[in-house]
C-alpha atoms as a PDB file:
ATOM      1  CA  UNK A   1       0.000   0.000   0.000  1.00  0.00           C
ATOM      2  CA  UNK A   2       1.431   3.350  -1.065  1.00  0.00           C
ATOM      3  CA  UNK A   3      -0.616   5.620   1.186  1.00  0.00           C
ATOM      4  CA  UNK A   4      -1.324   6.233   4.868  1.00  0.00           C
ATOM      5  CA  UNK A   5      -4.217   7.821   6.671  1.00  0.00           C
ATOM      6  CA  UNK A   6      -4.955   9.141  10.140  1.00  0.00           C
ATOM      7  CA  UNK A   7      -8.169  10.392  11.708  1.00  0.00           C
ATOM      8  CA  UNK A   8      -8.393  13.546  13.799  1.00  0.00           C
ATOM      9  CA  UNK A   9     -11.822  13.391  15.475  1.00  0.00           C
ATOM     10  CA  UNK A  10     -13.907  16.351  16.554  1.00  0.00           C
ATOM     11  CA  UNK A  11     -16.262  14.884  19.168  1.00  0.00           C
ATOM     12  CA  UNK A  12     -19.170  17.315  18.846  1.00  0.00           C
ATOM     13  CA  UNK A  13     -19.232  17.501  15.055  1.00  0.00           C
ATOM     14  CA  UNK A  14     -21.181  15.691  12.381  1.00  0.00           C
ATOM     15  CA  UNK A  15     -18.989  17.084   9.580  1.00  0.00           C
ATOM     16  CA  UNK A  16     -16.007  15.288   8.046  1.00  0.00           C
ATOM     17  CA  UNK A  17     -13.245  16.620   5.818  1.00  0.00           C
ATOM     18  CA  UNK A  18     -11.117  14.231   3.771  1.00  0.00           C
ATOM     19  CA  UNK A  19      -7.699  15.865   3.552  1.00  0.00           C
ATOM     20  CA  UNK A  20      -5.046  14.801   1.011  1.00  0.00           C
ATOM     21  CA  UNK A  21      -1.457  15.997   1.440  1.00  0.00           C
ATOM     22  CA  UNK A  22       0.847  17.327  -1.290  1.00  0.00           C
ATOM     23  CA  UNK A  23       3.419  15.084  -2.956  1.00  0.00           C
ATOM     24  CA  UNK A  24       6.336  14.213  -0.686  1.00  0.00           C
ATOM     25  CA  UNK A  25       4.709  15.629   2.458  1.00  0.00           C
ATOM     26  CA  UNK A  26       3.648  13.429   5.362  1.00  0.00           C
ATOM     27  CA  UNK A  27       0.570  13.844   7.515  1.00  0.00           C
ATOM     28  CA  UNK A  28       2.643  14.581  10.615  1.00  0.00           C
ATOM     29  CA  UNK A  29       4.239  17.552   8.828  1.00  0.00           C
ATOM     30  CA  UNK A  30       0.806  19.074   8.263  1.00  0.00           C
ATOM     31  CA  UNK A  31      -0.728  18.584  11.686  1.00  0.00           C
ATOM     32  CA  UNK A  32      -0.784  22.369  12.156  1.00  0.00           C
ATOM     33  CA  UNK A  33      -3.111  22.742   9.152  1.00  0.00           C
ATOM     34  CA  UNK A  34      -5.161  19.665  10.035  1.00  0.00           C
ATOM     35  CA  UNK A  35      -5.641  20.767  13.628  1.00  0.00           C
ATOM     36  CA  UNK A  36      -6.793  24.204  12.480  1.00  0.00           C
ATOM     37  CA  UNK A  37      -9.659  22.428  10.694  1.00  0.00           C
ATOM     38  CA  UNK A  38     -10.268  20.171  13.664  1.00  0.00           C
ATOM     39  CA  UNK A  39     -10.584  23.232  15.919  1.00  0.00           C
ATOM     40  CA  UNK A  40     -13.186  24.594  13.508  1.00  0.00           C
ATOM     41  CA  UNK A  41     -15.335  21.598  14.423  1.00  0.00           C
ATOM     42  CA  UNK A  42     -14.498  19.153  11.631  1.00  0.00           C
ATOM     43  CA  UNK A  43     -13.407  15.562  11.965  1.00  0.00           C
ATOM     44  CA  UNK A  44     -10.447  15.283   9.589  1.00  0.00           C
ATOM     45  CA  UNK A  45      -9.414  12.092   7.817  1.00  0.00           C
ATOM     46  CA  UNK A  46      -5.943  12.837   6.424  1.00  0.00           C
ATOM     47  CA  UNK A  47      -4.111  10.943   3.689  1.00  0.00           C
ATOM     48  CA  UNK A  48      -0.574  11.055   2.374  1.00  0.00           C
ATOM     49  CA  UNK A  49       0.996   9.079  -0.470  1.00  0.00           C
ATOM     50  CA  UNK A  50       4.440   7.531  -0.741  1.00  0.00           C
ATOM     51  CA  UNK A  51       6.803   9.251  -3.155  1.00  0.00           C
ATOM     52  CA  UNK A  52       7.308   5.899  -4.865  1.00  0.00           C
ATOM     53  CA  UNK A  53       4.002   6.351  -6.680  1.00  0.00           C
ATOM     54  CA  UNK A  54       6.037   8.591  -8.995  1.00  0.00           C
ATOM     55  CA  UNK A  55       9.714   7.831  -8.340  1.00  0.00           C
ATOM     56  CA  UNK A  56       9.396   4.195  -9.445  1.00  0.00           C
ATOM     57  CA  UNK A  57       8.241   5.392 -12.877  1.00  0.00           C
ATOM     58  CA  UNK A  58       5.294   2.991 -12.926  1.00  0.00           C
ATOM     59  CA  UNK A  59       2.070   4.844 -13.845  1.00  0.00           C
ATOM     60  CA  UNK A  60      -0.073   2.063 -12.393  1.00  0.00           C
ATOM     61  CA  UNK A  61       1.076   2.971  -8.882  1.00  0.00           C
ATOM     62  CA  UNK A  62      -0.547   6.412  -8.895  1.00  0.00           C
ATOM     63  CA  UNK A  63      -3.658   5.073 -10.603  1.00  0.00           C
ATOM     64  CA  UNK A  64      -4.047   2.234  -8.097  1.00  0.00           C
ATOM     65  CA  UNK A  65      -3.423   4.580  -5.166  1.00  0.00           C
ATOM     66  CA  UNK A  66      -6.112   6.994  -6.353  1.00  0.00           C
ATOM     67  CA  UNK A  67      -8.598   4.138  -6.728  1.00  0.00           C
ATOM     68  CA  UNK A  68      -7.745   2.723  -3.290  1.00  0.00           C
ATOM     69  CA  UNK A  69      -8.060   6.094  -1.556  1.00  0.00           C
ATOM     70  CA  UNK A  70     -11.410   6.662  -3.275  1.00  0.00           C
ATOM     71  CA  UNK A  71     -12.568   3.222  -2.126  1.00  0.00           C
ATOM     72  CA  UNK A  72     -11.404   3.928   1.404  1.00  0.00           C
ATOM     73  CA  UNK A  73     -13.237   7.268   1.472  1.00  0.00           C
ATOM     74  CA  UNK A  74     -16.438   5.573   0.289  1.00  0.00           C
ATOM     75  CA  UNK A  75     -16.129   2.992   3.073  1.00  0.00           C
ATOM     76  CA  UNK A  76     -15.396   5.662   5.667  1.00  0.00           C
ATOM     77  CA  UNK A  77     -18.406   7.706   4.553  1.00  0.00           C
ATOM     78  CA  UNK A  78     -20.624   4.640   4.869  1.00  0.00           C
ATOM     79  CA  UNK A  79     -19.387   4.094   8.417  1.00  0.00           C
ATOM     80  CA  UNK A  80     -19.769   7.761   9.370  1.00  0.00           C
ATOM     81  CA  UNK A  81     -23.287   7.896   7.951  1.00  0.00           C
ATOM     82  CA  UNK A  82     -24.272   4.947  10.123  1.00  0.00           C
ATOM     83  CA  UNK A  83     -23.078   7.025  13.072  1.00  0.00           C
ATOM     84  CA  UNK A  84     -25.255   9.974  12.145  1.00  0.00           C
ATOM     85  CA  UNK A  85     -22.752  12.046  10.154  1.00  0.00           C
ATOM     86  CA  UNK A  86     -24.270  13.755   7.154  1.00  0.00           C
ATOM     87  CA  UNK A  87     -21.807  16.437   5.982  1.00  0.00           C
ATOM     88  CA  UNK A  88     -18.717  15.488   3.947  1.00  0.00           C
ATOM     89  CA  UNK A  89     -16.124  17.749   2.368  1.00  0.00           C
ATOM     90  CA  UNK A  90     -12.578  17.605   1.055  1.00  0.00           C
ATOM     91  CA  UNK A  91      -9.316  19.530   0.972  1.00  0.00           C
ATOM     92  CA  UNK A  92      -6.636  18.349  -1.449  1.00  0.00           C
ATOM     93  CA  UNK A  93      -3.287  19.987  -2.191  1.00  0.00           C
ATOM     94  CA  UNK A  94      -1.114  19.439  -5.279  1.00  0.00           C
ATOM     95  CA  UNK A  95      -1.159  15.704  -5.982  1.00  0.00           C
ATOM     96  CA  UNK A  96      -3.690  15.464  -3.165  1.00  0.00           C
ATOM     97  CA  UNK A  97      -5.939  17.781  -5.189  1.00  0.00           C
ATOM     98  CA  UNK A  98      -5.471  15.485  -8.180  1.00  0.00           C
ATOM     99  CA  UNK A  99      -6.687  12.597  -6.031  1.00  0.00           C
ATOM    100  CA  UNK A 100      -9.630  14.556  -4.663  1.00  0.00           C
ATOM    101  CA  UNK A 101     -10.560  15.673  -8.182  1.00  0.00           C
ATOM    102  CA  UNK A 102     -11.206  12.027  -9.018  1.00  0.00           C
ATOM    103  CA  UNK A 103     -12.965  11.428  -5.703  1.00  0.00           C
ATOM    104  CA  UNK A 104     -15.383  14.334  -6.091  1.00  0.00           C
ATOM    105  CA  UNK A 105     -16.330  12.950  -9.517  1.00  0.00           C
ATOM    106  CA  UNK A 106     -17.040   9.464  -8.198  1.00  0.00           C
ATOM    107  CA  UNK A 107     -18.305   9.995  -4.629  1.00  0.00           C
ATOM    108  CA  UNK A 108     -21.710  11.642  -4.497  1.00  0.00           C
ATOM    109  CA  UNK A 109     -21.506  12.464  -0.783  1.00  0.00           C
ATOM    110  CA  UNK A 110     -18.542  14.822  -1.207  1.00  0.00           C
ATOM    111  CA  UNK A 111     -20.622  17.983  -1.503  1.00  0.00           C
ATOM    112  CA  UNK A 112     -18.107  20.785  -0.961  1.00  0.00           C
ATOM    113  CA  UNK A 113     -14.411  21.410  -0.653  1.00  0.00           C
ATOM    114  CA  UNK A 114     -11.135  22.961  -1.739  1.00  0.00           C
ATOM    115  CA  UNK A 115      -8.788  21.973  -4.545  1.00  0.00           C
ATOM    116  CA  UNK A 116      -5.554  23.664  -3.533  1.00  0.00           C
ATOM    117  CA  UNK A 117      -3.955  23.869  -7.012  1.00  0.00           C
ATOM    118  CA  UNK A 118      -4.620  21.333  -9.729  1.00  0.00           C
ATOM    119  CA  UNK A 119      -4.660  20.725 -13.446  1.00  0.00           C
ATOM    120  CA  UNK A 120      -2.652  18.562 -15.827  1.00  0.00           C
ATOM    121  CA  UNK A 121      -0.745  16.031 -13.698  1.00  0.00           C
ATOM    122  CA  UNK A 122       1.077  14.577 -16.706  1.00  0.00           C
ATOM    123  CA  UNK A 123       2.381  17.982 -17.756  1.00  0.00           C
ATOM    124  CA  UNK A 124       3.470  18.676 -14.163  1.00  0.00           C
ATOM    125  CA  UNK A 125       5.400  15.406 -13.959  1.00  0.00           C
ATOM    126  CA  UNK A 126       7.023  16.066 -17.328  1.00  0.00           C
ATOM    127  CA  UNK A 127       8.227  19.482 -16.166  1.00  0.00           C
ATOM    128  CA  UNK A 128      10.081  17.879 -13.250  1.00  0.00           C
ATOM    129  CA  UNK A 129      13.336  16.521 -14.689  1.00  0.00           C
ATOM    130  CA  UNK A 130      13.780  13.749 -12.128  1.00  0.00           C
ATOM    131  CA  UNK A 131      10.199  12.498 -12.358  1.00  0.00           C
ATOM    132  CA  UNK A 132      10.263  12.621 -16.152  1.00  0.00           C
ATOM    133  CA  UNK A 133      13.484  10.586 -16.226  1.00  0.00           C
ATOM    134  CA  UNK A 134      12.083   7.950 -13.841  1.00  0.00           C
ATOM    135  CA  UNK A 135       9.281   7.306 -16.322  1.00  0.00           C
ATOM    136  CA  UNK A 136      11.497   7.504 -19.390  1.00  0.00           C
ATOM    137  CA  UNK A 137      13.768   4.875 -17.862  1.00  0.00           C
ATOM    138  CA  UNK A 138      10.734   2.585 -17.828  1.00  0.00           C
ATOM    139  CA  UNK A 139      10.051   3.304 -21.485  1.00  0.00           C
ATOM    140  CA  UNK A 140       7.196   5.747 -20.803  1.00  0.00           C
ATOM    141  CA  UNK A 141       6.781   8.814 -23.003  1.00  0.00           C
ATOM    142  CA  UNK A 142       4.474  11.704 -22.237  1.00  0.00           C
ATOM    143  CA  UNK A 143       1.736  10.324 -24.501  1.00  0.00           C
ATOM    144  CA  UNK A 144       2.015   6.935 -22.780  1.00  0.00           C
ATOM    145  CA  UNK A 145       1.520   8.595 -19.412  1.00  0.00           C
ATOM    146  CA  UNK A 146      -1.464  10.566 -20.683  1.00  0.00           C
ATOM    147  CA  UNK A 147      -3.045   7.330 -21.858  1.00  0.00           C
ATOM    148  CA  UNK A 148      -2.249   5.512 -18.592  1.00  0.00           C
ATOM    149  CA  UNK A 149      -3.759   8.246 -16.408  1.00  0.00           C
ATOM    150  CA  UNK A 150      -6.676   9.203 -18.640  1.00  0.00           C
ATOM    151  CA  UNK A 151      -9.365   7.693 -16.385  1.00  0.00           C
ATOM    152  CA  UNK A 152      -8.129   9.464 -13.255  1.00  0.00           C
ATOM    153  CA  UNK A 153      -7.134  12.692 -15.011  1.00  0.00           C
ATOM    154  CA  UNK A 154     -10.446  12.933 -16.878  1.00  0.00           C
ATOM    155  CA  UNK A 155     -13.100  11.203 -14.762  1.00  0.00           C
ATOM    156  CA  UNK A 156     -16.733  11.330 -15.766  1.00  0.00           C
ATOM    157  CA  UNK A 157     -18.544  13.948 -13.699  1.00  0.00           C
ATOM    158  CA  UNK A 158     -22.138  13.151 -12.768  1.00  0.00           C
ATOM    159  CA  UNK A 159     -24.566  14.129 -10.010  1.00  0.00           C
ATOM    160  CA  UNK A 160     -22.705  17.384  -9.315  1.00  0.00           C
ATOM    161  CA  UNK A 161     -25.779  19.595  -8.796  1.00  0.00           C
ATOM    162  CA  UNK A 162     -25.416  21.492  -5.543  1.00  0.00           C
ATOM    163  CA  UNK A 163     -21.724  20.773  -5.092  1.00  0.00           C
ATOM    164  CA  UNK A 164     -19.571  23.766  -4.134  1.00  0.00           C
ATOM    165  CA  UNK A 165     -15.866  23.749  -4.995  1.00  0.00           C
ATOM    166  CA  UNK A 166     -13.197  26.357  -4.416  1.00  0.00           C
ATOM    167  CA  UNK A 167     -10.152  26.115  -6.676  1.00  0.00           C
ATOM    168  CA  UNK A 168      -6.880  27.815  -5.648  1.00  0.00           C
ATOM    169  CA  UNK A 169      -4.585  28.675  -8.544  1.00  0.00           C
ATOM    170  CA  UNK A 170      -1.670  31.007  -9.255  1.00  0.00           C
ATOM    171  CA  UNK A 171      -0.787  32.749 -12.505  1.00  0.00           C
ATOM    172  CA  UNK A 172       2.864  32.186 -11.575  1.00  0.00           C
ATOM    173  CA  UNK A 173       2.645  28.501 -10.682  1.00  0.00           C
ATOM    174  CA  UNK A 174       5.228  26.949 -12.984  1.00  0.00           C
ATOM    175  CA  UNK A 175       3.820  23.412 -12.702  1.00  0.00           C
ATOM    176  CA  UNK A 176       0.060  23.984 -12.715  1.00  0.00           C
ATOM    177  CA  UNK A 177      -0.541  27.545 -13.948  1.00  0.00           C
ATOM    178  CA  UNK A 178      -3.905  29.274 -13.818  1.00  0.00           C
ATOM    179  CA  UNK A 179      -4.180  29.580 -17.605  1.00  0.00           C
ATOM    180  CA  UNK A 180      -4.157  25.780 -18.000  1.00  0.00           C
ATOM    181  CA  UNK A 181      -6.844  24.737 -15.516  1.00  0.00           C
ATOM    182  CA  UNK A 182     -10.061  25.585 -17.375  1.00  0.00           C
ATOM    183  CA  UNK A 183     -10.285  22.176 -19.125  1.00  0.00           C
ATOM    184  CA  UNK A 184     -10.444  20.597 -15.658  1.00  0.00           C
ATOM    185  CA  UNK A 185     -12.964  23.038 -14.214  1.00  0.00           C
ATOM    186  CA  UNK A 186     -15.493  23.114 -17.053  1.00  0.00           C
ATOM    187  CA  UNK A 187     -16.483  19.417 -16.795  1.00  0.00           C
ATOM    188  CA  UNK A 188     -17.430  19.996 -13.146  1.00  0.00           C
ATOM    189  CA  UNK A 189     -19.464  23.065 -14.039  1.00  0.00           C
ATOM    190  CA  UNK A 190     -21.110  21.317 -16.972  1.00  0.00           C
ATOM    191  CA  UNK A 191     -22.221  18.570 -14.573  1.00  0.00           C
ATOM    192  CA  UNK A 192     -23.878  21.124 -12.294  1.00  0.00           C
ATOM    193  CA  UNK A 193     -21.234  22.061  -9.713  1.00  0.00           C
ATOM    194  CA  UNK A 194     -20.582  25.637  -8.652  1.00  0.00           C
ATOM    195  CA  UNK A 195     -16.822  26.143  -8.987  1.00  0.00           C
ATOM    196  CA  UNK A 196     -15.188  29.354  -7.803  1.00  0.00           C
ATOM    197  CA  UNK A 197     -11.561  30.190  -8.513  1.00  0.00           C
ATOM    198  CA  UNK A 198      -9.399  32.093  -6.059  1.00  0.00           C
ATOM    199  CA  UNK A 199      -6.588  33.375  -8.233  1.00  0.00           C
ATOM    200  CA  UNK A 200      -3.388  34.340  -6.444  1.00  0.00           C
ATOM    201  CA  UNK A 201      -0.187  35.925  -7.667  1.00  0.00           C
ATOM    202  CA  UNK A 202       2.408  33.715  -5.970  1.00  0.00           C
ATOM    203  CA  UNK A 203       5.671  32.477  -7.418  1.00  0.00           C
ATOM    204  CA  UNK A 204       6.242  28.717  -7.600  1.00  0.00           C
ATOM    205  CA  UNK A 205       3.941  25.774  -7.128  1.00  0.00           C
ATOM    206  CA  UNK A 206       5.193  24.935  -3.635  1.00  0.00           C
ATOM    207  CA  UNK A 207       4.508  28.465  -2.354  1.00  0.00           C
ATOM    208  CA  UNK A 208       1.015  28.428  -3.873  1.00  0.00           C
ATOM    209  CA  UNK A 209       0.293  25.137  -2.104  1.00  0.00           C
ATOM    210  CA  UNK A 210       1.669  26.537   1.153  1.00  0.00           C
ATOM    211  CA  UNK A 211      -0.579  29.585   0.834  1.00  0.00           C
ATOM    212  CA  UNK A 212      -3.622  27.331   0.567  1.00  0.00           C
ATOM    213  CA  UNK A 213      -2.567  25.267   3.569  1.00  0.00           C
ATOM    214  CA  UNK A 214      -1.925  28.337   5.706  1.00  0.00           C
ATOM    215  CA  UNK A 215      -5.355  29.642   4.702  1.00  0.00           C
ATOM    216  CA  UNK A 216      -7.055  26.234   5.061  1.00  0.00           C
ATOM    217  CA  UNK A 217      -9.327  27.223   7.935  1.00  0.00           C
ATOM    218  CA  UNK A 218     -10.491  30.379   6.180  1.00  0.00           C
ATOM    219  CA  UNK A 219     -10.962  28.666   2.817  1.00  0.00           C
ATOM    220  CA  UNK A 220     -12.930  25.793   4.300  1.00  0.00           C
ATOM    221  CA  UNK A 221     -15.075  28.152   6.335  1.00  0.00           C
ATOM    222  CA  UNK A 222     -15.881  30.112   3.151  1.00  0.00           C
ATOM    223  CA  UNK A 223     -16.853  27.126   1.031  1.00  0.00           C
ATOM    224  CA  UNK A 224     -18.659  25.362   3.885  1.00  0.00           C
ATOM    225  CA  UNK A 225     -20.873  28.374   4.501  1.00  0.00           C
ATOM    226  CA  UNK A 226     -21.495  28.678   0.754  1.00  0.00           C
ATOM    227  CA  UNK A 227     -22.951  25.187   0.562  1.00  0.00           C
ATOM    228  CA  UNK A 228     -25.599  25.947   3.173  1.00  0.00           C
END
């Protein structure tokens, strides 16, 4: 298994946020952001993924990890619903946003949340010299990777009416720039979701992601109120 998860309960809450960490960052490194959401009254189920999902150059590893996390979230939602929980959101950053993008397309109960950056994962990998070379060493070209990840990069959006999504994006993000995200937002809107974009002017992908994490409590509060 190439991912881990940990639950941060909020005893008096019936709301759950599924939180997916950026690439290469562990849950324990983000406890400050997670606990800020917990203090807001949300139970947080946090996920991180092993770097090997990309460093081994095997596209099936990321695909399988996305499917397994989605399956786990579905099972967790079923268990929470049996306990009286009825409000489920998400907060995904970088590759965690990529994972949550698939989850929001395939899990009806995820009604609101934040995608903290996002866009073309293949293009982002290909811009990173080390990650590109790991895949090339396994005989994978960019078109091969696009084909391998097509189902998770371009999921079929259905039953999106009433869903509220806040997308964080920077014009100066060198990996996932603002001017390249519309093809990933329009399918959600076409399926009925309300998608707002908070455009920031921050250099570098990592700093854009950090901005979203620092602002997590505020962003979640905004989108959570909007869904009511």
